[in-house]
Amino acid sequence: MITSVFRKSTPLNYSLVVILILVFFFLFQFQEPSWMSSSFLAFQKISLLCFIFASFFLINFIVKKNGLSKDNGYAIFFYLLFILFFPTIFNNANVVYANFFVLLALRRLISLQSLKASKEKIFDASFWILIASLFQFWSILFLILVFISIIFHVSRDYRNWVLPFIALMAVAVIFLLISLIFHINAIEFFQKRAVVDFNIDYFKNNYENGALSIYVAVSLFFVVSMLMTFSNRPQIVHSSYKKIVACFFIAAFVFIISPDKSNDLLLFSIAPLTMMAASYVEYVQQKLNSEIVFYTLIACSLFTFFSQL
């Protein structure tokens, strides 16, 4: 039943996902309604919701524009289910903003396979990743994905290797101007954020631990499925899927080394995992298997969401 609803992209699919986002977002926010009495906090919540919506439709654009998915709504539905594993994402503005800019970069890097305007795409991707690092410092590691993409497509032109450093200078100038205007101590800003911490002992309760454990198991299932079926997929999308898998492992590493660790940081891994999950459902021929995957994920996401309220 679920697969039949999202098998085709229709206004009903998008409306359903938008409604579900609103429902789950405000279910979480109404736990602490104090923000409703402050216009600034209310504006912050609304802007956060806008970025979440933008991320959903950006993922939908990426998978369809680059031939990673057929004309269906699987990607946005999976993205919703995976976010519900970690509802505290709805309160972490920095991670949501950083993830949005990483998605903008991922969009440019995946489209690099067309070899059109490659220099602009490399610069843009590097620029957005560096902007993301201002909100969540270790998202700067996604620059590795830029160099992987250069190796895949345009490694022979030495100028392409220089573009990420030009983007770094551009972002540095912008940040210095902002720091001067708002009296931000640039050295202290990065000293607090450029810290490595491998400890994973942040859990407030067993439900957070359980959500992480289930998410890891689900991630392993889709990553292994992708790697095992990779050779059977169309040659034209091989480089795109390689970048998606690389993006997932970079996101996992960002989570592992980041200070102030929380499940929210796994948001960076949700987009590539969503693309792998959508691809898996399309690849599986047996309708029963795809239904089992959907219902299992729905049960897990709802359980982890409501258990953490």
C-alpha atoms as a PDB file:
ATOM      1  CA  MET A   1       0.000   0.000   0.000  1.00  0.00           C
ATOM      2  CA  ILE A   2       2.731   2.471   0.994  1.00  0.00           C
ATOM      3  CA  THR A   3       4.745   1.798  -2.162  1.00  0.00           C
ATOM      4  CA  SER A   4       1.655   2.365  -4.309  1.00  0.00           C
ATOM      5  CA  VAL A   5       1.048   5.767  -2.670  1.00  0.00           C
ATOM      6  CA  PHE A   6       4.607   7.008  -3.310  1.00  0.00           C
ATOM      7  CA  ARG A   7       5.280   5.148  -6.555  1.00  0.00           C
ATOM      8  CA  LYS A   8       4.436   8.269  -8.553  1.00  0.00           C
ATOM      9  CA  SER A   9       5.203  11.900  -7.761  1.00  0.00           C
ATOM     10  CA  THR A  10       1.862  13.585  -7.299  1.00  0.00           C
ATOM     11  CA  PRO A  11       0.611  16.660  -5.432  1.00  0.00           C
ATOM     12  CA  LEU A  12      -0.852  14.189  -2.908  1.00  0.00           C
ATOM     13  CA  ASN A  13       2.633  12.859  -2.080  1.00  0.00           C
ATOM     14  CA  TYR A  14       4.067  16.307  -1.486  1.00  0.00           C
ATOM     15  CA  SER A  15       1.019  17.465   0.470  1.00  0.00           C
ATOM     16  CA  LEU A  16       1.160  14.383   2.684  1.00  0.00           C
ATOM     17  CA  VAL A  17       4.877  14.856   3.428  1.00  0.00           C
ATOM     18  CA  VAL A  18       4.432  18.590   4.133  1.00  0.00           C
ATOM     19  CA  ILE A  19       1.577  17.873   6.535  1.00  0.00           C
ATOM     20  CA  LEU A  20       3.569  15.156   8.312  1.00  0.00           C
ATOM     21  CA  ILE A  21       6.575  17.468   8.678  1.00  0.00           C
ATOM     22  CA  LEU A  22       4.374  20.139  10.228  1.00  0.00           C
ATOM     23  CA  VAL A  23       2.711  17.638  12.576  1.00  0.00           C
ATOM     24  CA  PHE A  24       5.947  16.108  13.871  1.00  0.00           C
ATOM     25  CA  PHE A  25       7.787  19.437  14.022  1.00  0.00           C
ATOM     26  CA  PHE A  26       5.133  21.105  16.185  1.00  0.00           C
ATOM     27  CA  LEU A  27       4.569  17.962  18.280  1.00  0.00           C
ATOM     28  CA  PHE A  28       8.192  18.292  19.315  1.00  0.00           C
ATOM     29  CA  GLN A  29       8.129  22.085  19.707  1.00  0.00           C
ATOM     30  CA  PHE A  30       5.018  22.116  21.905  1.00  0.00           C
ATOM     31  CA  GLN A  31       6.921  20.231  24.605  1.00  0.00           C
ATOM     32  CA  GLU A  32       8.420  23.585  25.551  1.00  0.00           C
ATOM     33  CA  PRO A  33       5.955  26.277  24.408  1.00  0.00           C
ATOM     34  CA  SER A  34       7.982  29.129  25.929  1.00  0.00           C
ATOM     35  CA  TRP A  35       9.203  30.098  22.436  1.00  0.00           C
ATOM     36  CA  MET A  36       5.658  31.178  21.571  1.00  0.00           C
ATOM     37  CA  SER A  37       5.920  34.141  23.931  1.00  0.00           C
ATOM     38  CA  SER A  38       9.009  35.529  22.184  1.00  0.00           C
ATOM     39  CA  SER A  39       8.769  36.935  18.665  1.00  0.00           C
ATOM     40  CA  PHE A  40      12.497  36.342  18.103  1.00  0.00           C
ATOM     41  CA  LEU A  41      12.312  32.680  19.156  1.00  0.00           C
ATOM     42  CA  ALA A  42       9.144  32.184  17.110  1.00  0.00           C
ATOM     43  CA  PHE A  43      10.906  33.638  14.061  1.00  0.00           C
ATOM     44  CA  GLN A  44      13.852  31.317  14.700  1.00  0.00           C
ATOM     45  CA  LYS A  45      11.533  28.276  14.786  1.00  0.00           C
ATOM     46  CA  ILE A  46       9.801  29.319  11.579  1.00  0.00           C
ATOM     47  CA  SER A  47      13.124  29.898   9.803  1.00  0.00           C
ATOM     48  CA  LEU A  48      14.291  26.492  11.017  1.00  0.00           C
ATOM     49  CA  LEU A  49      11.122  24.918   9.597  1.00  0.00           C
ATOM     50  CA  CYS A  50      11.704  26.699   6.266  1.00  0.00           C
ATOM     51  CA  PHE A  51      15.218  25.276   6.019  1.00  0.00           C
ATOM     52  CA  ILE A  52      13.870  21.795   6.784  1.00  0.00           C
ATOM     53  CA  PHE A  53      11.298  22.138   4.008  1.00  0.00           C
ATOM     54  CA  ALA A  54      13.966  23.443   1.638  1.00  0.00           C
ATOM     55  CA  SER A  55      16.168  20.425   2.429  1.00  0.00           C
ATOM     56  CA  PHE A  56      13.321  18.046   1.602  1.00  0.00           C
ATOM     57  CA  PHE A  57      12.665  19.542  -1.798  1.00  0.00           C
ATOM     58  CA  LEU A  58      16.367  19.937  -2.528  1.00  0.00           C
ATOM     59  CA  ILE A  59      16.871  16.200  -2.028  1.00  0.00           C
ATOM     60  CA  ASN A  60      13.894  15.522  -4.283  1.00  0.00           C
ATOM     61  CA  PHE A  61      15.460  17.775  -6.939  1.00  0.00           C
ATOM     62  CA  ILE A  62      18.876  16.076  -6.683  1.00  0.00           C
ATOM     63  CA  VAL A  63      17.613  12.517  -7.143  1.00  0.00           C
ATOM     64  CA  LYS A  64      15.324  13.374 -10.056  1.00  0.00           C
ATOM     65  CA  LYS A  65      17.543  15.839 -11.901  1.00  0.00           C
ATOM     66  CA  ASN A  66      20.479  13.411 -11.897  1.00  0.00           C
ATOM     67  CA  GLY A  67      18.571  10.236 -12.712  1.00  0.00           C
ATOM     68  CA  LEU A  68      19.112   8.687  -9.273  1.00  0.00           C
ATOM     69  CA  SER A  69      15.412   8.028  -8.861  1.00  0.00           C
ATOM     70  CA  LYS A  70      12.422   7.530 -11.075  1.00  0.00           C
ATOM     71  CA  ASP A  71       9.349   9.747 -10.928  1.00  0.00           C
ATOM     72  CA  ASN A  72       8.301   8.790  -7.392  1.00  0.00           C
ATOM     73  CA  GLY A  73       8.145  10.178  -3.872  1.00  0.00           C
ATOM     74  CA  TYR A  74      10.319   7.584  -2.133  1.00  0.00           C
ATOM     75  CA  ALA A  75      13.220   9.958  -1.419  1.00  0.00           C
ATOM     76  CA  ILE A  76      11.263  12.608   0.488  1.00  0.00           C
ATOM     77  CA  PHE A  77       9.349   9.948   2.432  1.00  0.00           C
ATOM     78  CA  PHE A  78      12.528   8.153   3.480  1.00  0.00           C
ATOM     79  CA  TYR A  79      14.081  11.489   4.462  1.00  0.00           C
ATOM     80  CA  LEU A  80      11.129  12.167   6.751  1.00  0.00           C
ATOM     81  CA  LEU A  81      11.344   8.695   8.336  1.00  0.00           C
ATOM     82  CA  PHE A  82      15.079   9.015   9.028  1.00  0.00           C
ATOM     83  CA  ILE A  83      14.722  12.476  10.575  1.00  0.00           C
ATOM     84  CA  LEU A  84      12.118  11.108  12.986  1.00  0.00           C
ATOM     85  CA  PHE A  85      14.824   8.864  14.453  1.00  0.00           C
ATOM     86  CA  PHE A  86      16.368  12.004  15.969  1.00  0.00           C
ATOM     87  CA  PRO A  87      13.636  14.563  16.784  1.00  0.00           C
ATOM     88  CA  THR A  88      16.104  16.865  18.562  1.00  0.00           C
ATOM     89  CA  ILE A  89      17.195  17.867  15.051  1.00  0.00           C
ATOM     90  CA  PHE A  90      14.109  20.112  15.131  1.00  0.00           C
ATOM     91  CA  ASN A  91      15.866  22.214  17.784  1.00  0.00           C
ATOM     92  CA  ASN A  92      19.394  22.282  16.401  1.00  0.00           C
ATOM     93  CA  ALA A  93      19.482  25.256  14.049  1.00  0.00           C
ATOM     94  CA  ASN A  94      23.230  25.141  13.352  1.00  0.00           C
ATOM     95  CA  VAL A  95      23.127  21.534  12.152  1.00  0.00           C
ATOM     96  CA  VAL A  96      20.025  22.147  10.011  1.00  0.00           C
ATOM     97  CA  TYR A  97      21.600  25.207   8.371  1.00  0.00           C
ATOM     98  CA  ALA A  98      24.923  23.439   7.806  1.00  0.00           C
ATOM     99  CA  ASN A  99      23.178  20.394   6.351  1.00  0.00           C
ATOM    100  CA  PHE A 100      21.244  22.579   3.912  1.00  0.00           C
ATOM    101  CA  PHE A 101      24.464  24.121   2.583  1.00  0.00           C
ATOM    102  CA  VAL A 102      26.083  20.683   2.315  1.00  0.00           C
ATOM    103  CA  LEU A 103      23.072  19.579   0.236  1.00  0.00           C
ATOM    104  CA  LEU A 104      23.594  22.567  -2.062  1.00  0.00           C
ATOM    105  CA  ALA A 105      27.191  21.403  -2.493  1.00  0.00           C
ATOM    106  CA  LEU A 106      26.140  17.792  -3.071  1.00  0.00           C
ATOM    107  CA  ARG A 107      23.737  18.942  -5.771  1.00  0.00           C
ATOM    108  CA  ARG A 108      26.581  20.636  -7.653  1.00  0.00           C
ATOM    109  CA  LEU A 109      28.992  17.725  -7.212  1.00  0.00           C
ATOM    110  CA  ILE A 110      26.585  15.064  -8.455  1.00  0.00           C
ATOM    111  CA  SER A 111      25.700  17.160 -11.507  1.00  0.00           C
ATOM    112  CA  LEU A 112      29.430  17.414 -12.292  1.00  0.00           C
ATOM    113  CA  GLN A 113      29.118  14.193 -14.299  1.00  0.00           C
ATOM    114  CA  SER A 114      27.592  16.214 -17.151  1.00  0.00           C
ATOM    115  CA  LEU A 115      30.973  18.019 -17.500  1.00  0.00           C
ATOM    116  CA  LYS A 116      29.116  21.285 -18.139  1.00  0.00           C
ATOM    117  CA  ALA A 117      30.368  24.370 -16.256  1.00  0.00           C
ATOM    118  CA  SER A 118      32.612  22.112 -14.178  1.00  0.00           C
ATOM    119  CA  LYS A 119      34.705  24.945 -12.741  1.00  0.00           C
ATOM    120  CA  GLU A 120      31.622  26.838 -11.555  1.00  0.00           C
ATOM    121  CA  LYS A 121      30.278  23.680  -9.939  1.00  0.00           C
ATOM    122  CA  ILE A 122      33.528  22.920  -8.127  1.00  0.00           C
ATOM    123  CA  PHE A 123      33.776  26.483  -6.837  1.00  0.00           C
ATOM    124  CA  ASP A 124      30.112  26.559  -5.775  1.00  0.00           C
ATOM    125  CA  ALA A 125      30.341  23.204  -3.985  1.00  0.00           C
ATOM    126  CA  SER A 126      33.491  24.270  -2.125  1.00  0.00           C
ATOM    127  CA  PHE A 127      31.939  27.624  -1.248  1.00  0.00           C
ATOM    128  CA  TRP A 128      28.758  26.060   0.200  1.00  0.00           C
ATOM    129  CA  ILE A 129      30.715  23.500   2.216  1.00  0.00           C
ATOM    130  CA  LEU A 130      32.878  26.239   3.703  1.00  0.00           C
ATOM    131  CA  ILE A 131      29.763  28.254   4.547  1.00  0.00           C
ATOM    132  CA  ALA A 132      28.366  25.132   6.243  1.00  0.00           C
ATOM    133  CA  SER A 133      31.556  24.863   8.308  1.00  0.00           C
ATOM    134  CA  LEU A 134      30.793  28.237   9.891  1.00  0.00           C
ATOM    135  CA  PHE A 135      27.704  26.632  11.460  1.00  0.00           C
ATOM    136  CA  GLN A 136      29.190  23.180  12.126  1.00  0.00           C
ATOM    137  CA  PHE A 137      32.964  23.286  11.794  1.00  0.00           C
ATOM    138  CA  TRP A 138      33.720  19.671  10.947  1.00  0.00           C
ATOM    139  CA  SER A 139      31.379  19.728   7.962  1.00  0.00           C
ATOM    140  CA  ILE A 140      34.488  21.172   6.302  1.00  0.00           C
ATOM    141  CA  LEU A 141      35.495  17.534   5.803  1.00  0.00           C
ATOM    142  CA  PHE A 142      32.990  17.352   2.952  1.00  0.00           C
ATOM    143  CA  LEU A 143      35.677  19.139   0.925  1.00  0.00           C
ATOM    144  CA  ILE A 144      37.069  15.613   0.553  1.00  0.00           C
ATOM    145  CA  LEU A 145      34.025  14.922  -1.595  1.00  0.00           C
ATOM    146  CA  VAL A 146      34.957  17.861  -3.829  1.00  0.00           C
ATOM    147  CA  PHE A 147      38.383  16.368  -4.499  1.00  0.00           C
ATOM    148  CA  ILE A 148      36.865  12.913  -5.065  1.00  0.00           C
ATOM    149  CA  SER A 149      34.561  14.459  -7.665  1.00  0.00           C
ATOM    150  CA  ILE A 150      37.499  16.192  -9.341  1.00  0.00           C
ATOM    151  CA  ILE A 151      39.306  12.840  -9.562  1.00  0.00           C
ATOM    152  CA  PHE A 152      36.254  11.199 -11.104  1.00  0.00           C
ATOM    153  CA  HIS A 153      35.577  13.817 -13.760  1.00  0.00           C
ATOM    154  CA  VAL A 154      38.026  16.682 -14.321  1.00  0.00           C
ATOM    155  CA  SER A 155      41.372  15.760 -12.773  1.00  0.00           C
ATOM    156  CA  ARG A 156      43.457  16.627 -15.845  1.00  0.00           C
ATOM    157  CA  ASP A 157      42.898  20.375 -15.576  1.00  0.00           C
ATOM    158  CA  TYR A 158      45.126  21.637 -12.754  1.00  0.00           C
ATOM    159  CA  ARG A 159      42.936  24.732 -12.322  1.00  0.00           C
ATOM    160  CA  ASN A 160      40.144  22.570 -10.897  1.00  0.00           C
ATOM    161  CA  TRP A 161      42.392  21.583  -7.973  1.00  0.00           C
ATOM    162  CA  VAL A 162      42.949  25.252  -7.101  1.00  0.00           C
ATOM    163  CA  LEU A 163      39.274  26.276  -7.053  1.00  0.00           C
ATOM    164  CA  PRO A 164      38.493  24.950  -3.512  1.00  0.00           C
ATOM    165  CA  PHE A 165      41.303  27.139  -2.151  1.00  0.00           C
ATOM    166  CA  ILE A 166      39.947  30.179  -3.995  1.00  0.00           C
ATOM    167  CA  ALA A 167      36.555  29.431  -2.424  1.00  0.00           C
ATOM    168  CA  LEU A 168      38.315  29.217   0.963  1.00  0.00           C
ATOM    169  CA  MET A 169      39.761  32.705   0.479  1.00  0.00           C
ATOM    170  CA  ALA A 170      36.354  34.065  -0.560  1.00  0.00           C
ATOM    171  CA  VAL A 171      34.624  32.647   2.530  1.00  0.00           C
ATOM    172  CA  ALA A 172      37.491  33.825   4.763  1.00  0.00           C
ATOM    173  CA  VAL A 173      37.111  37.404   3.476  1.00  0.00           C
ATOM    174  CA  ILE A 174      33.329  37.295   3.993  1.00  0.00           C
ATOM    175  CA  PHE A 175      33.735  35.916   7.512  1.00  0.00           C
ATOM    176  CA  LEU A 176      36.357  38.515   8.454  1.00  0.00           C
ATOM    177  CA  LEU A 177      34.085  41.323   7.259  1.00  0.00           C
ATOM    178  CA  ILE A 178      31.179  39.927   9.301  1.00  0.00           C
ATOM    179  CA  SER A 179      33.408  39.447  12.355  1.00  0.00           C
ATOM    180  CA  LEU A 180      34.539  43.076  12.119  1.00  0.00           C
ATOM    181  CA  ILE A 181      30.982  44.370  11.784  1.00  0.00           C
ATOM    182  CA  PHE A 182      29.589  42.293  14.668  1.00  0.00           C
ATOM    183  CA  HIS A 183      32.774  42.317  16.798  1.00  0.00           C
ATOM    184  CA  ILE A 184      33.307  38.557  16.661  1.00  0.00           C
ATOM    185  CA  ASN A 185      36.658  37.229  17.856  1.00  0.00           C
ATOM    186  CA  ALA A 186      37.591  35.091  14.816  1.00  0.00           C
ATOM    187  CA  ILE A 187      40.390  33.181  16.594  1.00  0.00           C
ATOM    188  CA  GLU A 188      38.195  32.323  19.572  1.00  0.00           C
ATOM    189  CA  PHE A 189      35.339  31.392  17.199  1.00  0.00           C
ATOM    190  CA  PHE A 190      37.393  28.638  15.560  1.00  0.00           C
ATOM    191  CA  GLN A 191      39.233  27.580  18.718  1.00  0.00           C
ATOM    192  CA  LYS A 192      35.918  26.568  20.274  1.00  0.00           C
ATOM    193  CA  ARG A 193      34.784  24.657  17.193  1.00  0.00           C
ATOM    194  CA  ALA A 194      37.943  23.102  15.735  1.00  0.00           C
ATOM    195  CA  VAL A 195      38.116  20.479  18.477  1.00  0.00           C
ATOM    196  CA  VAL A 196      38.290  16.717  18.049  1.00  0.00           C
ATOM    197  CA  ASP A 197      36.377  14.500  20.465  1.00  0.00           C
ATOM    198  CA  PHE A 198      35.979  10.757  19.912  1.00  0.00           C
ATOM    199  CA  ASN A 199      33.941  10.109  23.061  1.00  0.00           C
ATOM    200  CA  ILE A 200      30.401   8.805  22.525  1.00  0.00           C
ATOM    201  CA  ASP A 201      28.888   9.137  25.981  1.00  0.00           C
ATOM    202  CA  TYR A 202      26.371  11.914  25.456  1.00  0.00           C
ATOM    203  CA  PHE A 203      23.147   9.911  25.819  1.00  0.00           C
ATOM    204  CA  LYS A 204      20.530  11.439  28.101  1.00  0.00           C
ATOM    205  CA  ASN A 205      18.470   8.253  28.208  1.00  0.00           C
ATOM    206  CA  ASN A 206      18.257   4.728  26.809  1.00  0.00           C
ATOM    207  CA  TYR A 207      15.870   5.849  24.060  1.00  0.00           C
ATOM    208  CA  GLU A 208      18.561   8.008  22.439  1.00  0.00           C
ATOM    209  CA  ASN A 209      20.925   5.056  22.619  1.00  0.00           C
ATOM    210  CA  GLY A 210      18.248   2.817  21.103  1.00  0.00           C
ATOM    211  CA  ALA A 211      17.545   5.284  18.278  1.00  0.00           C
ATOM    212  CA  LEU A 212      21.243   5.395  17.401  1.00  0.00           C
ATOM    213  CA  SER A 213      21.505   1.595  17.463  1.00  0.00           C
ATOM    214  CA  ILE A 214      18.497   1.131  15.176  1.00  0.00           C
ATOM    215  CA  TYR A 215      19.745   3.840  12.824  1.00  0.00           C
ATOM    216  CA  VAL A 216      23.172   2.193  12.583  1.00  0.00           C
ATOM    217  CA  ALA A 217      21.552  -1.163  11.772  1.00  0.00           C
ATOM    218  CA  VAL A 218      19.327   0.415   9.102  1.00  0.00           C
ATOM    219  CA  SER A 219      22.299   2.297   7.645  1.00  0.00           C
ATOM    220  CA  LEU A 220      24.388  -0.867   7.405  1.00  0.00           C
ATOM    221  CA  PHE A 221      21.524  -2.632   5.615  1.00  0.00           C
ATOM    222  CA  PHE A 222      21.186   0.023   2.900  1.00  0.00           C
ATOM    223  CA  VAL A 223      24.936   0.666   2.499  1.00  0.00           C
ATOM    224  CA  VAL A 224      25.717  -3.043   2.168  1.00  0.00           C
ATOM    225  CA  SER A 225      22.792  -3.466  -0.252  1.00  0.00           C
ATOM    226  CA  MET A 226      24.119  -0.602  -2.358  1.00  0.00           C
ATOM    227  CA  LEU A 227      27.657  -2.005  -2.431  1.00  0.00           C
ATOM    228  CA  MET A 228      26.478  -5.525  -3.276  1.00  0.00           C
ATOM    229  CA  THR A 229      24.225  -4.434  -6.150  1.00  0.00           C
ATOM    230  CA  PHE A 230      26.446  -1.644  -7.425  1.00  0.00           C
ATOM    231  CA  SER A 231      27.730  -3.525 -10.493  1.00  0.00           C
ATOM    232  CA  ASN A 232      24.163  -4.229 -11.647  1.00  0.00           C
ATOM    233  CA  ARG A 233      23.184  -0.566 -11.796  1.00  0.00           C
ATOM    234  CA  PRO A 234      23.365   1.599 -14.944  1.00  0.00           C
ATOM    235  CA  GLN A 235      26.923   2.655 -15.790  1.00  0.00           C
ATOM    236  CA  ILE A 236      25.865   6.280 -16.175  1.00  0.00           C
ATOM    237  CA  VAL A 237      25.075   6.657 -12.462  1.00  0.00           C
ATOM    238  CA  HIS A 238      28.061   4.733 -11.056  1.00  0.00           C
ATOM    239  CA  SER A 239      30.080   7.863 -10.249  1.00  0.00           C
ATOM    240  CA  SER A 240      27.033   9.487  -8.619  1.00  0.00           C
ATOM    241  CA  TYR A 241      26.435   6.490  -6.348  1.00  0.00           C
ATOM    242  CA  LYS A 242      30.134   6.361  -5.457  1.00  0.00           C
ATOM    243  CA  LYS A 243      29.913  10.001  -4.363  1.00  0.00           C
ATOM    244  CA  ILE A 244      26.771   9.280  -2.358  1.00  0.00           C
ATOM    245  CA  VAL A 245      28.446   6.384  -0.518  1.00  0.00           C
ATOM    246  CA  ALA A 246      31.535   8.537   0.097  1.00  0.00           C
ATOM    247  CA  CYS A 247      29.284  11.339   1.383  1.00  0.00           C
ATOM    248  CA  PHE A 248      27.703   8.933   3.879  1.00  0.00           C
ATOM    249  CA  PHE A 249      31.056   7.796   5.279  1.00  0.00           C
ATOM    250  CA  ILE A 250      32.335  11.396   5.512  1.00  0.00           C
ATOM    251  CA  ALA A 251      29.145  12.281   7.420  1.00  0.00           C
ATOM    252  CA  ALA A 252      29.755   9.359   9.782  1.00  0.00           C
ATOM    253  CA  PHE A 253      33.302  10.597  10.384  1.00  0.00           C
ATOM    254  CA  VAL A 254      32.028  14.137  11.043  1.00  0.00           C
ATOM    255  CA  PHE A 255      29.778  12.651  13.730  1.00  0.00           C
ATOM    256  CA  ILE A 256      32.610  10.616  15.268  1.00  0.00           C
ATOM    257  CA  ILE A 257      35.114  13.462  15.664  1.00  0.00           C
ATOM    258  CA  SER A 258      32.794  16.374  16.480  1.00  0.00           C
ATOM    259  CA  PRO A 259      32.741  17.867  19.992  1.00  0.00           C
ATOM    260  CA  ASP A 260      29.413  18.508  21.738  1.00  0.00           C
ATOM    261  CA  LYS A 261      28.296  15.230  20.225  1.00  0.00           C
ATOM    262  CA  SER A 262      24.606  14.409  19.827  1.00  0.00           C
ATOM    263  CA  ASN A 263      22.406  12.348  17.541  1.00  0.00           C
ATOM    264  CA  ASP A 264      21.565  15.584  15.705  1.00  0.00           C
ATOM    265  CA  LEU A 265      24.937  15.429  13.946  1.00  0.00           C
ATOM    266  CA  LEU A 266      23.785  12.335  12.072  1.00  0.00           C
ATOM    267  CA  LEU A 267      21.591  14.636   9.975  1.00  0.00           C
ATOM    268  CA  PHE A 268      24.540  14.930   7.570  1.00  0.00           C
ATOM    269  CA  SER A 269      24.295  11.196   6.865  1.00  0.00           C
ATOM    270  CA  ILE A 270      20.530  11.163   6.299  1.00  0.00           C
ATOM    271  CA  ALA A 271      20.548  12.627   2.764  1.00  0.00           C
ATOM    272  CA  PRO A 272      22.941  10.041   1.256  1.00  0.00           C
ATOM    273  CA  LEU A 273      21.209   7.262   3.198  1.00  0.00           C
ATOM    274  CA  THR A 274      17.863   8.464   1.826  1.00  0.00           C
ATOM    275  CA  MET A 275      19.180   8.228  -1.734  1.00  0.00           C
ATOM    276  CA  MET A 276      20.472   4.703  -1.133  1.00  0.00           C
ATOM    277  CA  ALA A 277      17.182   3.655   0.461  1.00  0.00           C
ATOM    278  CA  ALA A 278      15.106   5.049  -2.415  1.00  0.00           C
ATOM    279  CA  SER A 279      17.390   3.321  -4.898  1.00  0.00           C
ATOM    280  CA  TYR A 280      17.069   0.031  -3.000  1.00  0.00           C
ATOM    281  CA  VAL A 281      13.255   0.102  -3.097  1.00  0.00           C
ATOM    282  CA  GLU A 282      13.322   0.788  -6.834  1.00  0.00           C
ATOM    283  CA  TYR A 283      15.881  -1.976  -7.382  1.00  0.00           C
ATOM    284  CA  VAL A 284      14.026  -4.675  -5.423  1.00  0.00           C
ATOM    285  CA  GLN A 285      11.700  -6.486  -7.766  1.00  0.00           C
ATOM    286  CA  GLN A 286       9.464  -8.158  -5.186  1.00  0.00           C
ATOM    287  CA  LYS A 287       6.713  -5.826  -4.019  1.00  0.00           C
ATOM    288  CA  LEU A 288       6.456  -7.675  -0.684  1.00  0.00           C
ATOM    289  CA  ASN A 289      10.093  -6.932   0.163  1.00  0.00           C
ATOM    290  CA  SER A 290       9.704  -3.202  -0.425  1.00  0.00           C
ATOM    291  CA  GLU A 291       6.521  -3.124   1.657  1.00  0.00           C
ATOM    292  CA  ILE A 292       8.351  -4.859   4.512  1.00  0.00           C
ATOM    293  CA  VAL A 293      11.147  -2.273   4.335  1.00  0.00           C
ATOM    294  CA  PHE A 294       8.665   0.609   4.435  1.00  0.00           C
ATOM    295  CA  TYR A 295       6.552  -0.725   7.293  1.00  0.00           C
ATOM    296  CA  THR A 296       9.621  -1.677   9.334  1.00  0.00           C
ATOM    297  CA  LEU A 297      11.083   1.808   8.926  1.00  0.00           C
ATOM    298  CA  ILE A 298       7.756   3.476   9.740  1.00  0.00           C
ATOM    299  CA  ALA A 299       7.457   1.422  12.941  1.00  0.00           C
ATOM    300  CA  CYS A 300      11.061   2.169  13.960  1.00  0.00           C
ATOM    301  CA  SER A 301      10.839   5.898  13.201  1.00  0.00           C
ATOM    302  CA  LEU A 302       7.539   6.359  15.057  1.00  0.00           C
ATOM    303  CA  PHE A 303       8.790   4.374  18.046  1.00  0.00           C
ATOM    304  CA  THR A 304      12.051   6.320  18.303  1.00  0.00           C
ATOM    305  CA  PHE A 305      10.288   9.682  17.777  1.00  0.00           C
ATOM    306  CA  PHE A 306       7.592   9.263  20.430  1.00  0.00           C
ATOM    307  CA  SER A 307       9.933   7.561  22.902  1.00  0.00           C
ATOM    308  CA  GLN A 308      12.157  10.654  22.871  1.00  0.00           C
ATOM    309  CA  LEU A 309       9.398  13.220  23.379  1.00  0.00           C
END
